[in-house]
Structures are given as C-alpha cells and as structure tokens.
Amino acid sequence: MSVFRRIIYHSGWFILFGPLIGAAIAIGIINFLPAIIGGPDSFLLYFCRTIPELVIITGWIYSLLPAWLTGVACALIPLKLYQKIINRMIL
C-alpha cells in the first residue's frame, strides 16, 4: 500500500469514527438524564437535552483537523515498523 493511500485510509477512519465516541457518550447522557434531573417540564432538562447535539456537531467540526493529522502521522510510520506492529496485534 502506498504512503498516499495509507494517509487517505487512516485519516478517513480517524475522521469518521473519532467523533462517534463523543456521540455514544451524548446518547448515554440523553438516556439517563430524566433520572438525574426531575420532571419532564424542567427547563434544565430541556437545556441539557440540546447540549449533546451541540457537542456532537461542534466536536465533529473541531476534531476534523486533529483527526486528519493523527491519521497522517499513523500513515507515515515506516513500513517495517508498521508491519511489526500489525504482526504483534495479530499474533
């Protein structure tokens, strides 16, 4: 696999799946929030239900550049070292 292809491959995975960890946490917050904050008519409950959506959107926007740079850094690992890491993970 060429270096350019590895850069595209790794940065794509980091950009796509990196922010999903934050989304999973936000979904957990949304599900358990009514048990923490009382009453469905609570203003605090309504406000806290919009926070995870804002976190997901802004997190995705602000994490694009660091995720892309991390993918590039992972792709630029020398191939001999890269192959040793893969062999250790498989074995």
Protein backbone atom coordinates (compact mmCIF):
# COMPACT_ATOMS: atom_id res chain seq x y z
CA MET A 1 0.00 0.00 0.00
CA SER A 2 1.46 3.39 -0.97
CA VAL A 3 2.00 6.16 1.57
CA PHE A 4 -0.66 8.36 -0.02
CA ARG A 5 -3.20 5.54 0.14
CA ARG A 6 -2.33 4.85 3.79
CA ILE A 7 -2.77 8.58 4.57
CA ILE A 8 -6.23 8.58 3.00
CA TYR A 9 -7.13 5.28 4.69
CA HIS A 10 -6.03 6.21 8.23
CA SER A 11 -7.22 9.80 8.19
CA GLY A 12 -10.60 8.69 6.85
CA TRP A 13 -11.07 6.21 9.69
CA PHE A 14 -9.98 8.73 12.31
CA ILE A 15 -12.27 11.45 10.92
CA LEU A 16 -15.29 9.15 10.61
CA PHE A 17 -15.09 7.17 13.83
CA GLY A 18 -13.32 9.56 16.21
CA PRO A 19 -16.33 11.79 16.94
CA LEU A 20 -18.63 8.77 17.28
CA ILE A 21 -17.15 8.12 20.71
CA GLY A 22 -18.47 11.53 21.77
CA ALA A 23 -21.82 10.68 20.19
CA ALA A 24 -22.04 7.47 22.23
CA ILE A 25 -21.42 9.44 25.41
CA ALA A 26 -24.03 12.02 24.40
CA ILE A 27 -26.62 9.30 23.74
CA GLY A 28 -25.90 7.87 27.19
CA ILE A 29 -26.42 11.30 28.73
CA ILE A 30 -29.72 11.73 26.88
CA ASN A 31 -30.99 8.32 28.04
CA PHE A 32 -30.11 8.72 31.72
CA LEU A 33 -30.86 12.43 32.06
CA PRO A 34 -34.54 12.14 33.15
CA ALA A 35 -33.46 10.01 36.10
CA ILE A 36 -30.94 12.63 37.19
CA ILE A 37 -32.97 15.83 36.62
CA GLY A 38 -36.55 15.72 37.86
CA GLY A 39 -39.66 16.38 35.82
CA PRO A 40 -40.28 16.44 32.08
CA ASP A 41 -41.24 20.15 32.22
CA SER A 42 -37.96 21.21 33.75
CA PHE A 43 -36.12 23.94 31.83
CA LEU A 44 -32.85 22.36 32.89
CA LEU A 45 -33.94 19.07 31.33
CA TYR A 46 -34.78 20.79 28.03
CA PHE A 47 -31.49 22.68 28.05
CA CYS A 48 -29.47 19.56 28.84
CA ARG A 49 -31.14 17.62 26.02
CA THR A 50 -29.85 20.15 23.47
CA ILE A 51 -26.30 20.13 24.82
CA PRO A 52 -25.36 16.67 23.42
CA GLU A 53 -26.46 17.71 19.93
CA LEU A 54 -24.30 20.81 20.15
CA VAL A 55 -21.41 18.73 21.49
CA ILE A 56 -21.68 16.28 18.59
CA ILE A 57 -21.81 18.99 15.93
CA THR A 58 -19.05 21.19 17.35
CA GLY A 59 -16.96 18.18 18.33
CA TRP A 60 -17.06 16.86 14.80
CA ILE A 61 -16.10 20.25 13.36
CA TYR A 62 -13.25 20.86 15.80
CA SER A 63 -11.93 17.30 15.63
CA LEU A 64 -11.53 17.15 11.86
CA LEU A 65 -8.06 18.71 11.75
CA PRO A 66 -6.58 16.79 14.72
CA ALA A 67 -8.10 13.53 13.44
CA TRP A 68 -6.69 14.16 9.99
CA LEU A 69 -3.23 14.95 11.39
CA THR A 70 -3.33 11.82 13.57
CA GLY A 71 -4.23 9.75 10.53
CA VAL A 72 -1.35 11.28 8.58
CA ALA A 73 1.06 10.61 11.46
CA CYS A 74 -0.08 6.98 11.68
CA ALA A 75 0.28 6.57 7.93
CA LEU A 76 3.82 7.96 7.92
CA ILE A 77 5.11 5.31 10.31
CA PRO A 78 7.86 3.44 8.41
CA LEU A 79 6.56 0.32 6.72
CA LYS A 80 8.95 -2.03 8.56
CA LEU A 81 7.84 -0.71 11.94
CA TYR A 82 4.23 -0.64 10.78
CA GLN A 83 4.38 -4.30 9.76
CA LYS A 84 5.89 -5.28 13.12
CA ILE A 85 3.02 -3.59 14.96
CA ILE A 86 0.44 -5.38 12.81
CA ASN A 87 2.17 -8.72 13.34
CA ARG A 88 2.19 -8.18 17.10
CA MET A 89 -1.51 -7.33 17.11
CA ILE A 90 -2.38 -10.42 15.07
CA LEU A 91 -0.13 -12.81 16.96
